[in-house]
């Protein structure tokens, strides 16, 4: 098994755009070779991304405080292998303009800037593989995979209306099943 930690800090300043983007965090990565009966990796990132514009700092649209990815593969024997990936990220920040201080239902002549975080998002991908071995180290594999097997939609923003209050907008869930053939020599 291999454990690695990475600390990062980035600063982006563009000459033709006022302001700057800055992010910092730490990533922990634990890996066990996929050549073992049970192999995979776990990656966890704790970070913060901020935008500074006209002397004001606020969370960047791309800020994700927590990102976790777990990938596992298991050898069932007789050249059959199953695998899964679980991906999790904490919600992105948002800002909405509402007519009430808490974005509840109601109309007032005042506009309020309300900030918060979208709900977290997770996704599960699955894979099944059968491999056939040939002379000289050649091989052929058939695979069945499904990206977003639980049909999860990702929160992408918020909407406000005086009649309904604040609601989370999600992109249509994408589910990608696939059948594949792989080979090597």
N, C-alpha and C. Protein backbone atom coordinates (compact mmCIF):
# COMPACT_ATOMS: atom_id res chain seq x y z
N UNK A 1 0.85 -1.18 0.00
CA UNK A 1 0.00 0.00 0.00
C UNK A 1 0.89 1.24 0.00
N UNK A 2 0.37 2.27 -0.58
CA UNK A 2 1.14 3.51 -0.68
C UNK A 2 0.26 4.67 -0.22
N UNK A 3 0.80 5.50 0.66
CA UNK A 3 0.10 6.68 1.15
C UNK A 3 0.90 7.92 0.75
N UNK A 4 0.20 8.90 0.21
CA UNK A 4 0.87 10.13 -0.21
C UNK A 4 0.01 11.32 0.22
N UNK A 5 0.66 12.35 0.66
CA UNK A 5 -0.02 13.60 1.00
C UNK A 5 0.53 14.73 0.16
N UNK A 6 -0.33 15.61 -0.29
CA UNK A 6 0.09 16.75 -1.11
C UNK A 6 -0.55 18.01 -0.56
N UNK A 7 0.25 19.04 -0.37
CA UNK A 7 -0.26 20.35 0.03
C UNK A 7 -0.14 21.25 -1.19
N UNK A 8 -1.18 22.03 -1.48
CA UNK A 8 -1.13 22.88 -2.66
C UNK A 8 -1.65 24.28 -2.38
N UNK A 9 -1.14 25.22 -3.16
CA UNK A 9 -1.59 26.61 -3.11
C UNK A 9 -1.42 27.17 -4.52
N UNK A 10 -2.47 27.75 -5.07
CA UNK A 10 -2.39 28.36 -6.39
C UNK A 10 -2.93 29.78 -6.32
N UNK A 11 -2.36 30.62 -7.13
CA UNK A 11 -2.79 32.01 -7.23
C UNK A 11 -2.83 32.37 -8.70
N UNK A 12 -3.97 32.86 -9.16
CA UNK A 12 -4.14 33.21 -10.57
C UNK A 12 -4.48 34.69 -10.66
N UNK A 13 -3.63 35.41 -11.38
CA UNK A 13 -3.88 36.81 -11.66
C UNK A 13 -3.81 37.00 -13.16
N UNK A 14 -4.86 37.53 -13.74
CA UNK A 14 -4.88 37.80 -15.18
C UNK A 14 -4.71 39.30 -15.37
N UNK A 15 -3.89 39.70 -16.34
CA UNK A 15 -3.62 41.13 -16.54
C UNK A 15 -4.81 41.88 -17.10
N UNK A 16 -5.68 41.21 -17.85
CA UNK A 16 -6.81 41.91 -18.46
C UNK A 16 -8.11 41.78 -17.66
N UNK A 17 -8.06 41.12 -16.52
CA UNK A 17 -9.25 40.94 -15.68
C UNK A 17 -8.91 41.42 -14.27
N UNK A 18 -9.73 42.30 -13.70
CA UNK A 18 -9.44 42.73 -12.32
C UNK A 18 -9.71 41.59 -11.34
N UNK A 19 -8.94 41.54 -10.30
CA UNK A 19 -9.14 40.53 -9.27
C UNK A 19 -8.19 39.36 -9.40
N UNK A 20 -8.43 38.35 -8.57
CA UNK A 20 -7.58 37.17 -8.57
C UNK A 20 -8.34 35.97 -8.02
N UNK A 21 -7.85 34.79 -8.36
CA UNK A 21 -8.39 33.52 -7.85
C UNK A 21 -7.29 32.86 -7.03
N UNK A 22 -7.65 32.33 -5.88
CA UNK A 22 -6.67 31.68 -5.02
C UNK A 22 -7.29 30.43 -4.42
N UNK A 23 -6.52 29.35 -4.41
CA UNK A 23 -6.99 28.12 -3.77
C UNK A 23 -5.85 27.48 -3.00
N UNK A 24 -6.22 26.77 -1.96
CA UNK A 24 -5.24 26.08 -1.12
C UNK A 24 -5.90 24.86 -0.51
N UNK A 25 -5.10 23.84 -0.24
CA UNK A 25 -5.66 22.66 0.40
C UNK A 25 -4.65 21.55 0.56
N UNK A 26 -5.18 20.40 0.91
CA UNK A 26 -4.36 19.21 1.10
C UNK A 26 -5.09 18.02 0.49
N UNK A 27 -4.33 17.12 -0.11
CA UNK A 27 -4.89 15.89 -0.65
C UNK A 27 -4.18 14.70 -0.02
N UNK A 28 -4.95 13.72 0.41
CA UNK A 28 -4.41 12.46 0.90
C UNK A 28 -4.81 11.37 -0.08
N UNK A 29 -3.85 10.52 -0.42
CA UNK A 29 -4.06 9.49 -1.44
C UNK A 29 -3.50 8.17 -0.92
N UNK A 30 -4.35 7.15 -0.83
CA UNK A 30 -3.95 5.82 -0.39
C UNK A 30 -4.26 4.85 -1.52
N UNK A 31 -3.25 4.03 -1.89
CA UNK A 31 -3.42 3.13 -3.02
C UNK A 31 -2.92 1.72 -2.70
N UNK A 32 -3.65 0.76 -3.22
CA UNK A 32 -3.24 -0.64 -3.21
C UNK A 32 -3.31 -1.12 -4.65
N UNK A 33 -2.28 -1.79 -5.13
CA UNK A 33 -2.19 -2.20 -6.54
C UNK A 33 -3.42 -2.98 -6.98
N UNK A 34 -3.86 -2.70 -8.19
CA UNK A 34 -5.00 -3.40 -8.78
C UNK A 34 -4.62 -4.83 -9.16
N UNK A 35 -3.34 -5.15 -9.15
CA UNK A 35 -2.91 -6.52 -9.45
C UNK A 35 -3.22 -7.46 -8.28
N UNK A 36 -3.54 -6.92 -7.12
CA UNK A 36 -3.94 -7.74 -5.97
C UNK A 36 -5.41 -8.16 -6.13
N UNK A 37 -5.82 -9.15 -5.34
CA UNK A 37 -7.22 -9.60 -5.42
C UNK A 37 -8.18 -8.44 -5.14
N UNK A 38 -7.87 -7.64 -4.12
CA UNK A 38 -8.63 -6.42 -3.84
C UNK A 38 -7.66 -5.25 -3.99
N UNK A 39 -7.95 -4.38 -4.93
CA UNK A 39 -7.09 -3.22 -5.16
C UNK A 39 -7.93 -1.98 -5.34
N UNK A 40 -7.26 -0.86 -5.28
CA UNK A 40 -7.97 0.39 -5.49
C UNK A 40 -7.28 1.56 -4.85
N UNK A 41 -8.02 2.64 -4.71
CA UNK A 41 -7.45 3.81 -4.05
C UNK A 41 -8.55 4.64 -3.40
N UNK A 42 -8.11 5.45 -2.44
CA UNK A 42 -8.97 6.43 -1.78
C UNK A 42 -8.25 7.76 -1.88
N UNK A 43 -8.95 8.77 -2.35
CA UNK A 43 -8.39 10.11 -2.48
C UNK A 43 -9.34 11.08 -1.78
N UNK A 44 -8.79 11.88 -0.88
CA UNK A 44 -9.59 12.88 -0.17
C UNK A 44 -8.90 14.24 -0.27
N UNK A 45 -9.65 15.25 -0.65
CA UNK A 45 -9.12 16.61 -0.76
C UNK A 45 -9.92 17.54 0.12
N UNK A 46 -9.22 18.31 0.93
CA UNK A 46 -9.80 19.37 1.75
C UNK A 46 -9.23 20.66 1.21
N UNK A 47 -10.08 21.57 0.72
CA UNK A 47 -9.56 22.78 0.07
C UNK A 47 -10.52 23.96 0.22
N UNK A 48 -10.01 25.08 -0.20
CA UNK A 48 -10.81 26.31 -0.21
C UNK A 48 -10.37 27.13 -1.42
N UNK A 49 -11.33 27.69 -2.14
CA UNK A 49 -11.03 28.53 -3.30
C UNK A 49 -11.77 29.86 -3.15
N UNK A 50 -11.04 30.95 -3.27
CA UNK A 50 -11.62 32.28 -3.09
C UNK A 50 -11.33 33.16 -4.29
N UNK A 51 -12.25 34.07 -4.54
CA UNK A 51 -12.08 35.11 -5.55
C UNK A 51 -11.99 36.45 -4.83
N UNK A 52 -11.05 37.28 -5.25
CA UNK A 52 -10.94 38.64 -4.72
C UNK A 52 -11.17 39.60 -5.87
N UNK A 53 -12.14 40.47 -5.69
CA UNK A 53 -12.50 41.42 -6.74
C UNK A 53 -12.84 42.76 -6.09
N UNK A 54 -12.18 43.82 -6.53
CA UNK A 54 -12.40 45.15 -5.97
C UNK A 54 -12.24 45.19 -4.45
N UNK A 55 -11.25 44.46 -3.94
CA UNK A 55 -10.96 44.44 -2.51
C UNK A 55 -11.88 43.56 -1.68
N UNK A 56 -12.86 42.92 -2.30
CA UNK A 56 -13.79 42.04 -1.60
C UNK A 56 -13.43 40.58 -1.90
N UNK A 57 -13.36 39.74 -0.87
CA UNK A 57 -13.08 38.31 -1.06
C UNK A 57 -14.35 37.51 -0.79
N UNK A 58 -14.58 36.49 -1.62
CA UNK A 58 -15.73 35.61 -1.46
C UNK A 58 -15.38 34.25 -2.03
N UNK A 59 -16.14 33.23 -1.66
CA UNK A 59 -15.89 31.88 -2.15
C UNK A 59 -16.09 31.82 -3.66
N UNK A 60 -15.19 31.15 -4.33
CA UNK A 60 -15.30 30.98 -5.78
C UNK A 60 -16.42 30.02 -6.11
N UNK A 61 -16.97 30.15 -7.31
CA UNK A 61 -18.03 29.24 -7.75
C UNK A 61 -17.56 27.79 -7.75
N UNK A 62 -16.29 27.58 -8.00
CA UNK A 62 -15.75 26.22 -8.05
C UNK A 62 -15.29 25.67 -6.72
N UNK A 63 -15.53 26.37 -5.62
CA UNK A 63 -15.07 25.90 -4.31
C UNK A 63 -15.81 24.63 -3.90
N UNK A 64 -15.06 23.60 -3.58
CA UNK A 64 -15.60 22.37 -3.00
C UNK A 64 -14.73 22.07 -1.78
N UNK A 65 -15.25 22.22 -0.59
CA UNK A 65 -14.46 22.01 0.61
C UNK A 65 -13.98 20.58 0.72
N UNK A 66 -14.85 19.63 0.43
CA UNK A 66 -14.51 18.21 0.55
C UNK A 66 -14.75 17.50 -0.77
N UNK A 67 -13.77 16.73 -1.21
CA UNK A 67 -13.92 15.87 -2.39
C UNK A 67 -13.33 14.51 -2.02
N UNK A 68 -14.14 13.46 -2.19
CA UNK A 68 -13.72 12.10 -1.86
C UNK A 68 -13.99 11.19 -3.04
N UNK A 69 -12.99 10.39 -3.38
CA UNK A 69 -13.13 9.42 -4.46
C UNK A 69 -12.59 8.08 -3.96
N UNK A 70 -13.42 7.05 -4.04
CA UNK A 70 -13.03 5.70 -3.64
C UNK A 70 -13.22 4.79 -4.83
N UNK A 71 -12.15 4.12 -5.25
CA UNK A 71 -12.20 3.20 -6.38
C UNK A 71 -11.72 1.83 -5.88
N UNK A 72 -12.54 0.81 -6.10
CA UNK A 72 -12.19 -0.55 -5.68
C UNK A 72 -12.39 -1.52 -6.83
N UNK A 73 -11.47 -2.47 -6.95
CA UNK A 73 -11.60 -3.55 -7.91
C UNK A 73 -11.36 -4.86 -7.18
N UNK A 74 -12.17 -5.87 -7.49
CA UNK A 74 -12.04 -7.16 -6.81
C UNK A 74 -12.00 -8.28 -7.84
N UNK A 75 -11.01 -9.15 -7.71
CA UNK A 75 -10.84 -10.30 -8.59
C UNK A 75 -11.72 -11.44 -8.07
N UNK A 76 -12.74 -11.81 -8.83
CA UNK A 76 -13.65 -12.88 -8.42
C UNK A 76 -13.10 -14.26 -8.73
N UNK A 77 -12.00 -14.32 -9.46
CA UNK A 77 -11.43 -15.60 -9.89
C UNK A 77 -11.88 -15.94 -11.30
N UNK A 78 -11.17 -16.87 -11.93
CA UNK A 78 -11.48 -17.32 -13.29
C UNK A 78 -11.54 -16.14 -14.28
N UNK A 79 -10.70 -15.11 -14.02
CA UNK A 79 -10.55 -13.93 -14.87
C UNK A 79 -11.79 -13.03 -14.92
N UNK A 80 -12.60 -13.07 -13.88
CA UNK A 80 -13.72 -12.13 -13.71
C UNK A 80 -13.32 -11.09 -12.69
N UNK A 81 -13.65 -9.84 -12.95
CA UNK A 81 -13.31 -8.76 -12.02
C UNK A 81 -14.49 -7.78 -11.96
N UNK A 82 -14.79 -7.31 -10.75
CA UNK A 82 -15.81 -6.28 -10.56
C UNK A 82 -15.15 -5.05 -9.97
N UNK A 83 -15.76 -3.91 -10.23
CA UNK A 83 -15.20 -2.68 -9.68
C UNK A 83 -16.28 -1.64 -9.47
N UNK A 84 -15.95 -0.68 -8.65
CA UNK A 84 -16.86 0.43 -8.39
C UNK A 84 -16.07 1.69 -8.08
N UNK A 85 -16.71 2.81 -8.34
CA UNK A 85 -16.16 4.10 -7.96
C UNK A 85 -17.26 4.86 -7.27
N UNK A 86 -16.95 5.40 -6.10
CA UNK A 86 -17.88 6.26 -5.38
C UNK A 86 -17.23 7.64 -5.33
N UNK A 87 -17.95 8.64 -5.79
CA UNK A 87 -17.45 10.01 -5.82
C UNK A 87 -18.38 10.89 -5.00
N UNK A 88 -17.79 11.72 -4.13
CA UNK A 88 -18.57 12.63 -3.29
C UNK A 88 -17.90 14.00 -3.31
N UNK A 89 -18.73 15.05 -3.38
CA UNK A 89 -18.21 16.41 -3.22
C UNK A 89 -19.21 17.23 -2.43
N UNK A 90 -18.68 18.07 -1.54
CA UNK A 90 -19.57 18.96 -0.79
C UNK A 90 -20.11 20.02 -1.74
N UNK A 91 -21.18 20.64 -1.35
CA UNK A 91 -21.86 21.58 -2.23
C UNK A 91 -21.07 22.84 -2.52
N UNK A 92 -21.29 23.36 -3.71
CA UNK A 92 -20.66 24.61 -4.13
C UNK A 92 -21.38 25.79 -3.48
N UNK A 93 -20.68 26.91 -3.34
CA UNK A 93 -21.35 28.10 -2.81
C UNK A 93 -22.29 28.71 -3.85
N UNK A 94 -23.28 29.42 -3.38
CA UNK A 94 -24.17 30.16 -4.28
C UNK A 94 -24.50 31.51 -3.66
N UNK A 95 -24.95 32.41 -4.50
CA UNK A 95 -25.49 33.69 -4.05
C UNK A 95 -26.78 33.91 -4.82
N UNK A 96 -27.83 34.29 -4.10
CA UNK A 96 -29.12 34.54 -4.72
C UNK A 96 -29.64 35.90 -4.28
N UNK A 97 -30.37 36.54 -5.15
CA UNK A 97 -31.03 37.79 -4.82
C UNK A 97 -32.49 37.47 -4.49
N UNK A 98 -32.88 37.76 -3.26
CA UNK A 98 -34.23 37.43 -2.79
C UNK A 98 -34.93 38.70 -2.32
N UNK A 99 -36.24 38.62 -2.25
CA UNK A 99 -37.04 39.75 -1.79
C UNK A 99 -37.28 39.73 -0.29
N UNK A 100 -36.87 38.65 0.38
CA UNK A 100 -36.96 38.57 1.83
C UNK A 100 -35.59 38.16 2.36
N UNK A 101 -35.26 38.49 3.60
CA UNK A 101 -33.92 38.19 4.12
C UNK A 101 -33.58 36.70 4.14
N UNK A 102 -34.58 35.83 4.29
CA UNK A 102 -34.31 34.39 4.35
C UNK A 102 -34.78 33.64 3.09
N UNK A 103 -35.09 34.37 2.04
CA UNK A 103 -35.57 33.81 0.76
C UNK A 103 -36.87 33.04 0.90
N UNK A 104 -37.67 33.40 1.90
CA UNK A 104 -38.96 32.74 2.05
C UNK A 104 -39.97 33.36 1.09
N UNK A 105 -41.14 32.79 1.07
CA UNK A 105 -42.20 33.28 0.20
C UNK A 105 -42.65 34.66 0.68
N UNK A 106 -42.83 35.57 -0.25
CA UNK A 106 -43.30 36.91 0.09
C UNK A 106 -42.63 37.94 -0.79
N UNK A 107 -43.29 39.08 -0.92
CA UNK A 107 -42.76 40.14 -1.76
C UNK A 107 -42.57 41.40 -0.93
N UNK A 108 -41.39 41.99 -1.04
CA UNK A 108 -41.11 43.28 -0.42
C UNK A 108 -40.36 44.11 -1.45
N UNK A 109 -40.31 45.40 -1.29
CA UNK A 109 -39.62 46.23 -2.29
C UNK A 109 -38.09 46.16 -2.17
N UNK A 110 -37.57 45.44 -1.20
CA UNK A 110 -36.12 45.38 -0.97
C UNK A 110 -35.55 44.10 -1.55
N UNK A 111 -34.33 44.18 -2.03
CA UNK A 111 -33.63 42.97 -2.52
C UNK A 111 -32.51 42.63 -1.53
N UNK A 112 -32.39 41.34 -1.21
CA UNK A 112 -31.37 40.87 -0.28
C UNK A 112 -30.46 39.88 -1.00
N UNK A 113 -29.16 40.03 -0.79
CA UNK A 113 -28.20 39.06 -1.32
C UNK A 113 -28.02 37.97 -0.26
N UNK A 114 -28.35 36.75 -0.62
CA UNK A 114 -28.29 35.62 0.31
C UNK A 114 -27.25 34.63 -0.22
N UNK A 115 -26.39 34.16 0.66
CA UNK A 115 -25.37 33.19 0.26
C UNK A 115 -25.59 31.88 1.03
N UNK A 116 -25.08 30.82 0.47
CA UNK A 116 -25.18 29.51 1.11
C UNK A 116 -24.42 28.49 0.28
N UNK A 117 -24.67 27.23 0.57
CA UNK A 117 -24.04 26.14 -0.18
C UNK A 117 -25.11 25.21 -0.72
N UNK A 118 -24.88 24.74 -1.93
CA UNK A 118 -25.77 23.74 -2.52
C UNK A 118 -25.64 22.43 -1.76
N UNK A 119 -26.60 21.53 -1.88
CA UNK A 119 -26.47 20.22 -1.24
C UNK A 119 -25.28 19.46 -1.83
N UNK A 120 -24.70 18.53 -1.05
CA UNK A 120 -23.60 17.72 -1.58
C UNK A 120 -24.09 16.82 -2.71
N UNK A 121 -23.13 16.31 -3.48
CA UNK A 121 -23.42 15.44 -4.61
C UNK A 121 -22.56 14.19 -4.50
N UNK A 122 -23.15 13.05 -4.83
CA UNK A 122 -22.37 11.82 -4.92
C UNK A 122 -22.83 11.02 -6.13
N UNK A 123 -21.95 10.16 -6.58
CA UNK A 123 -22.22 9.33 -7.75
C UNK A 123 -21.55 7.98 -7.55
N UNK A 124 -22.17 6.92 -8.08
CA UNK A 124 -21.61 5.57 -8.02
C UNK A 124 -21.50 5.04 -9.45
N UNK A 125 -20.32 4.57 -9.81
CA UNK A 125 -20.08 3.94 -11.10
C UNK A 125 -19.74 2.47 -10.84
N UNK A 126 -20.12 1.56 -11.74
CA UNK A 126 -19.84 0.14 -11.57
C UNK A 126 -19.24 -0.45 -12.85
N UNK A 127 -18.52 -1.55 -12.68
CA UNK A 127 -17.85 -2.19 -13.83
C UNK A 127 -17.76 -3.70 -13.59
N UNK A 128 -17.97 -4.47 -14.67
CA UNK A 128 -17.79 -5.93 -14.66
C UNK A 128 -16.92 -6.27 -15.86
N UNK A 129 -15.91 -7.11 -15.64
CA UNK A 129 -14.97 -7.46 -16.71
C UNK A 129 -14.70 -8.96 -16.73
N UNK A 130 -14.64 -9.51 -17.92
CA UNK A 130 -14.21 -10.90 -18.14
C UNK A 130 -13.02 -10.85 -19.08
N UNK A 131 -11.90 -11.48 -18.69
CA UNK A 131 -10.67 -11.43 -19.47
C UNK A 131 -10.30 -12.83 -19.95
N UNK A 132 -9.88 -12.91 -21.22
CA UNK A 132 -9.38 -14.16 -21.79
C UNK A 132 -7.90 -13.98 -22.10
N UNK A 133 -7.10 -14.94 -21.67
CA UNK A 133 -5.65 -14.87 -21.86
C UNK A 133 -5.23 -15.76 -23.03
N UNK A 134 -4.22 -15.29 -23.80
CA UNK A 134 -3.71 -16.02 -24.95
C UNK A 134 -2.19 -16.12 -24.84
N UNK A 135 -1.61 -16.91 -25.69
CA UNK A 135 -0.16 -17.11 -25.68
C UNK A 135 0.57 -15.79 -25.94
N UNK A 136 1.77 -15.68 -25.41
CA UNK A 136 2.60 -14.50 -25.63
C UNK A 136 2.16 -13.29 -24.82
N UNK A 137 1.36 -13.48 -23.78
CA UNK A 137 0.94 -12.37 -22.94
C UNK A 137 -0.20 -11.55 -23.52
N UNK A 138 -0.79 -12.00 -24.62
CA UNK A 138 -1.92 -11.27 -25.20
C UNK A 138 -3.19 -11.57 -24.41
N UNK A 139 -4.12 -10.63 -24.45
CA UNK A 139 -5.38 -10.82 -23.76
C UNK A 139 -6.49 -10.01 -24.43
N UNK A 140 -7.71 -10.43 -24.16
CA UNK A 140 -8.90 -9.76 -24.66
C UNK A 140 -9.90 -9.73 -23.51
N UNK A 141 -10.57 -8.59 -23.33
CA UNK A 141 -11.53 -8.46 -22.23
C UNK A 141 -12.83 -7.85 -22.74
N UNK A 142 -13.92 -8.35 -22.20
CA UNK A 142 -15.23 -7.75 -22.44
C UNK A 142 -15.66 -7.04 -21.16
N UNK A 143 -16.20 -5.83 -21.29
CA UNK A 143 -16.58 -5.06 -20.12
C UNK A 143 -18.02 -4.55 -20.21
N UNK A 144 -18.66 -4.49 -19.08
CA UNK A 144 -19.95 -3.81 -18.91
C UNK A 144 -19.71 -2.74 -17.85
N UNK A 145 -20.07 -1.51 -18.16
CA UNK A 145 -19.87 -0.42 -17.22
C UNK A 145 -21.13 0.44 -17.15
N UNK A 146 -21.28 1.09 -16.03
CA UNK A 146 -22.38 2.04 -15.89
C UNK A 146 -21.89 3.23 -15.07
N UNK A 147 -21.87 4.39 -15.69
CA UNK A 147 -21.50 5.65 -15.07
C UNK A 147 -22.77 6.24 -14.46
N UNK A 148 -22.73 6.61 -13.18
CA UNK A 148 -23.87 7.17 -12.46
C UNK A 148 -25.01 6.13 -12.37
N UNK A 149 -24.66 4.97 -11.86
CA UNK A 149 -25.59 3.84 -11.79
C UNK A 149 -26.84 4.13 -10.93
N UNK A 150 -26.76 5.07 -10.00
CA UNK A 150 -27.90 5.38 -9.13
C UNK A 150 -28.74 6.55 -9.67
N UNK A 151 -28.39 7.05 -10.86
CA UNK A 151 -29.17 8.08 -11.55
C UNK A 151 -29.30 9.34 -10.70
N UNK A 152 -28.17 9.83 -10.16
CA UNK A 152 -28.17 11.03 -9.32
C UNK A 152 -28.04 12.29 -10.17
N UNK A 153 -28.84 13.30 -9.85
CA UNK A 153 -28.70 14.59 -10.53
C UNK A 153 -27.84 15.50 -9.66
N UNK A 154 -27.04 16.34 -10.32
CA UNK A 154 -26.10 17.20 -9.61
C UNK A 154 -26.69 18.59 -9.42
N UNK A 155 -26.70 19.11 -8.17
CA UNK A 155 -27.16 20.48 -7.94
C UNK A 155 -26.22 21.47 -8.63
N UNK A 156 -26.78 22.42 -9.38
CA UNK A 156 -25.94 23.36 -10.12
C UNK A 156 -26.21 24.82 -9.77
N UNK A 157 -27.24 25.10 -9.02
CA UNK A 157 -27.54 26.49 -8.67
C UNK A 157 -28.84 26.58 -7.90
N UNK A 158 -29.29 27.81 -7.70
CA UNK A 158 -30.55 28.04 -7.00
C UNK A 158 -31.41 28.99 -7.81
N UNK A 159 -32.70 28.88 -7.62
CA UNK A 159 -33.68 29.78 -8.22
C UNK A 159 -34.52 30.38 -7.11
N UNK A 160 -34.91 31.61 -7.29
CA UNK A 160 -35.79 32.26 -6.31
C UNK A 160 -36.99 32.84 -7.03
N UNK A 161 -38.16 32.60 -6.46
CA UNK A 161 -39.36 33.30 -6.91
C UNK A 161 -40.17 33.66 -5.67
N UNK A 162 -40.82 34.81 -5.67
CA UNK A 162 -41.60 35.23 -4.50
C UNK A 162 -42.71 34.23 -4.15
N UNK A 163 -43.21 33.49 -5.15
CA UNK A 163 -44.30 32.55 -4.90
C UNK A 163 -43.80 31.23 -4.30
N UNK A 164 -42.58 30.80 -4.64
CA UNK A 164 -42.09 29.50 -4.19
C UNK A 164 -40.88 29.58 -3.27
N UNK A 165 -40.29 30.74 -3.12
CA UNK A 165 -39.09 30.87 -2.29
C UNK A 165 -37.86 30.38 -3.04
N UNK A 166 -36.90 29.89 -2.29
CA UNK A 166 -35.62 29.43 -2.86
C UNK A 166 -35.69 27.95 -3.16
N UNK A 167 -35.28 27.55 -4.36
CA UNK A 167 -35.26 26.13 -4.72
C UNK A 167 -33.94 25.80 -5.41
N UNK A 168 -33.50 24.58 -5.24
CA UNK A 168 -32.25 24.11 -5.83
C UNK A 168 -32.50 23.65 -7.26
N UNK A 169 -31.67 24.12 -8.17
CA UNK A 169 -31.74 23.68 -9.57
C UNK A 169 -30.71 22.58 -9.77
N UNK A 170 -31.11 21.52 -10.46
CA UNK A 170 -30.21 20.40 -10.72
C UNK A 170 -30.15 20.15 -12.21
N UNK A 171 -28.97 19.69 -12.66
CA UNK A 171 -28.87 19.31 -14.07
C UNK A 171 -29.46 17.92 -14.22
N UNK A 172 -29.98 17.64 -15.38
CA UNK A 172 -30.55 16.31 -15.63
C UNK A 172 -29.51 15.25 -15.35
N UNK A 173 -29.90 14.20 -14.64
CA UNK A 173 -28.93 13.15 -14.38
C UNK A 173 -28.53 12.45 -15.67
N UNK A 174 -27.25 12.18 -15.76
CA UNK A 174 -26.72 11.47 -16.92
C UNK A 174 -26.33 10.08 -16.46
N UNK A 175 -26.85 9.07 -17.12
CA UNK A 175 -26.47 7.70 -16.84
C UNK A 175 -25.89 7.14 -18.13
N UNK A 176 -24.68 6.61 -18.06
CA UNK A 176 -23.99 6.15 -19.26
C UNK A 176 -23.63 4.68 -19.14
N UNK A 177 -24.50 3.79 -19.58
CA UNK A 177 -24.11 2.38 -19.62
C UNK A 177 -23.24 2.15 -20.87
N UNK A 178 -22.31 1.22 -20.78
CA UNK A 178 -21.48 0.94 -21.96
C UNK A 178 -21.05 -0.53 -21.97
N UNK A 179 -20.84 -1.02 -23.16
CA UNK A 179 -20.30 -2.35 -23.40
C UNK A 179 -19.00 -2.13 -24.15
N UNK A 180 -17.93 -2.74 -23.71
CA UNK A 180 -16.65 -2.49 -24.34
C UNK A 180 -15.82 -3.74 -24.54
N UNK A 181 -14.83 -3.60 -25.38
CA UNK A 181 -13.85 -4.66 -25.63
C UNK A 181 -12.48 -4.01 -25.47
N UNK A 182 -11.62 -4.64 -24.69
CA UNK A 182 -10.26 -4.16 -24.50
C UNK A 182 -9.30 -5.28 -24.85
N UNK A 183 -8.12 -4.92 -25.23
CA UNK A 183 -7.12 -5.94 -25.55
C UNK A 183 -5.73 -5.43 -25.28
N UNK A 184 -4.82 -6.36 -25.15
CA UNK A 184 -3.43 -6.01 -24.92
C UNK A 184 -2.49 -7.07 -25.42
N UNK A 185 -1.26 -6.67 -25.69
CA UNK A 185 -0.25 -7.63 -26.15
C UNK A 185 1.11 -7.23 -25.65
